[in-house]
Amino acid sequence: MAGAKNVLGTDLQSCSHDPLTGFYRDGCCNTGAEDLGLHIVCIRATEEFLTFSREQGNDLSTPRPEMSFAGVQPGDQWCLCAMRWKEALDAGMAPPVVLEATHISTLEFVNLSDLRDHAVDAETT
């Protein structure tokens, strides 16, 4: 995973350490063969997106202490599955994206222009 690139072609930046995110729980939207869901889009959660995601069967906001998961809250940055972001985009509910922390593999699923339309500056957490 060393040397991973973001959608801008530069070094992949951290997404969030609070809450600790990423498939590997390393704070980055890194991916590998084990990451079947491709948790590679660094989003900034909104209430609207969390509601949409819950309605689609992916409840990100409810704490799951048994999984050491505190739940994602509005304003949190989180590594989201690429296809979940595309689903939200298609429904007009896409959350903001931190381009510097979004893995380059995301471009296999969505256009850079769509990502740029939803881009926000990174908040270091």
Protein backbone atom coordinates (compact mmCIF):
# COMPACT_ATOMS: atom_id res chain seq x y z
CA MET A 1 0.00 0.00 0.00
CA ALA A 2 3.00 2.26 0.26
CA GLY A 3 2.98 4.81 -2.48
CA ALA A 4 -0.78 4.75 -3.06
CA LYS A 5 -2.04 7.65 -5.17
CA ASN A 6 -5.16 9.77 -4.93
CA VAL A 7 -7.52 10.80 -7.73
CA LEU A 8 -5.31 13.84 -8.41
CA GLY A 9 -2.29 11.60 -9.04
CA THR A 10 -0.43 12.70 -5.91
CA ASP A 11 0.31 10.76 -2.72
CA LEU A 12 -2.81 9.50 -0.93
CA GLN A 13 -3.44 11.58 2.19
CA SER A 14 -5.05 10.52 5.44
CA CYS A 15 -8.85 10.68 5.58
CA SER A 16 -9.60 10.45 9.32
CA HIS A 17 -8.11 9.20 12.55
CA ASP A 18 -11.12 10.34 14.63
CA PRO A 19 -13.18 8.39 13.84
CA LEU A 20 -10.53 5.93 12.69
CA THR A 21 -11.48 4.97 9.16
CA GLY A 22 -10.31 2.90 6.22
CA PHE A 23 -10.72 -0.77 5.44
CA TYR A 24 -7.44 -1.38 7.28
CA ARG A 25 -8.36 1.11 10.03
CA ASP A 26 -5.20 3.07 9.27
CA GLY A 27 -6.91 6.41 8.69
CA CYS A 28 -6.45 6.17 4.91
CA CYS A 29 -8.71 5.00 2.10
CA ASN A 30 -6.19 2.32 1.12
CA THR A 31 -7.39 -0.82 -0.59
CA GLY A 32 -6.19 -4.31 -1.31
CA ALA A 33 -7.41 -7.75 -2.34
CA GLU A 34 -9.26 -8.20 0.98
CA ASP A 35 -11.29 -4.99 0.52
CA LEU A 36 -14.14 -6.40 -1.54
CA GLY A 37 -16.29 -3.30 -0.94
CA LEU A 38 -13.57 -0.89 -2.13
CA HIS A 39 -13.70 1.60 0.78
CA ILE A 40 -11.77 4.20 -1.22
CA VAL A 41 -13.77 7.46 -1.29
CA CYS A 42 -13.00 9.89 1.53
CA ILE A 43 -16.28 11.64 2.27
CA ARG A 44 -17.41 14.25 4.76
CA ALA A 45 -20.67 12.89 6.10
CA THR A 46 -23.84 14.97 5.99
CA GLU A 47 -27.10 14.27 7.79
CA GLU A 48 -28.82 13.91 4.40
CA PHE A 49 -26.31 11.34 3.17
CA LEU A 50 -26.39 9.34 6.42
CA THR A 51 -30.18 9.19 6.20
CA PHE A 52 -30.02 8.14 2.54
CA SER A 53 -27.41 5.47 3.31
CA ARG A 54 -29.48 4.09 6.20
CA GLU A 55 -32.55 3.96 3.94
CA GLN A 56 -30.48 1.96 1.41
CA GLY A 57 -29.59 -0.60 4.10
CA ASN A 58 -26.13 0.74 5.01
CA ASP A 59 -26.51 2.26 8.48
CA LEU A 60 -23.29 4.16 9.12
CA SER A 61 -24.52 6.30 12.00
CA THR A 62 -25.63 3.74 14.58
CA PRO A 63 -22.85 2.86 17.05
CA ARG A 64 -21.82 -0.82 17.06
CA PRO A 65 -19.70 -1.21 20.22
CA GLU A 66 -19.24 -4.93 19.56
CA MET A 67 -17.34 -3.94 16.41
CA SER A 68 -15.51 -1.00 18.06
CA PHE A 69 -17.56 1.31 15.83
CA ALA A 70 -18.81 4.58 17.33
CA GLY A 71 -20.94 5.48 14.31
CA VAL A 72 -20.34 8.17 11.72
CA GLN A 73 -21.77 11.60 12.56
CA PRO A 74 -22.39 14.61 10.31
CA GLY A 75 -19.06 16.34 9.72
CA ASP A 76 -17.00 13.17 10.19
CA GLN A 77 -14.70 12.09 7.38
CA TRP A 78 -15.04 8.43 6.41
CA CYS A 79 -13.81 5.99 3.74
CA LEU A 80 -16.90 5.02 1.79
CA CYS A 81 -17.33 2.26 -0.77
CA ALA A 82 -16.95 3.60 -4.31
CA MET A 83 -20.21 2.08 -5.50
CA ARG A 84 -22.11 3.48 -2.49
CA TRP A 85 -20.85 6.97 -3.41
CA LYS A 86 -21.89 6.43 -7.04
CA GLU A 87 -25.31 5.23 -5.89
CA ALA A 88 -25.68 8.40 -3.80
CA LEU A 89 -24.48 10.53 -6.74
CA ASP A 90 -27.07 8.95 -9.06
CA ALA A 91 -29.77 9.70 -6.45
CA GLY A 92 -28.64 13.31 -6.01
CA MET A 93 -27.44 12.59 -2.45
CA ALA A 94 -23.64 12.36 -2.86
CA PRO A 95 -21.72 13.60 0.18
CA PRO A 96 -18.74 15.94 -0.14
CA VAL A 97 -15.42 14.31 -1.10
CA VAL A 98 -11.84 14.99 0.00
CA LEU A 99 -9.95 14.48 -3.27
CA GLU A 100 -6.48 14.29 -1.71
CA ALA A 101 -7.62 11.38 0.47
CA THR A 102 -9.67 9.52 -2.17
CA HIS A 103 -7.86 6.54 -3.73
CA ILE A 104 -7.09 6.71 -7.45
CA SER A 105 -9.00 3.45 -8.04
CA THR A 106 -12.20 5.46 -7.51
CA LEU A 107 -11.76 6.70 -11.09
CA GLU A 108 -12.69 3.20 -12.30
CA PHE A 109 -16.24 3.88 -11.03
CA VAL A 110 -16.86 7.62 -11.20
CA ASN A 111 -15.59 10.57 -13.24
CA LEU A 112 -13.10 13.01 -11.77
CA SER A 113 -15.42 15.83 -12.82
CA ASP A 114 -18.20 14.40 -10.62
CA LEU A 115 -15.76 14.10 -7.72
CA ARG A 116 -14.54 17.67 -8.26
CA ASP A 117 -18.16 18.90 -8.25
CA HIS A 118 -18.42 17.55 -4.68
CA ALA A 119 -14.90 18.39 -3.47
CA VAL A 120 -14.15 19.94 -0.08
CA ASP A 121 -10.86 20.78 1.57
CA ALA A 122 -9.43 18.17 3.93
CA GLU A 123 -9.87 18.53 7.67
CA THR A 124 -7.12 16.81 9.56
CA THR A 125 -8.56 14.52 12.22
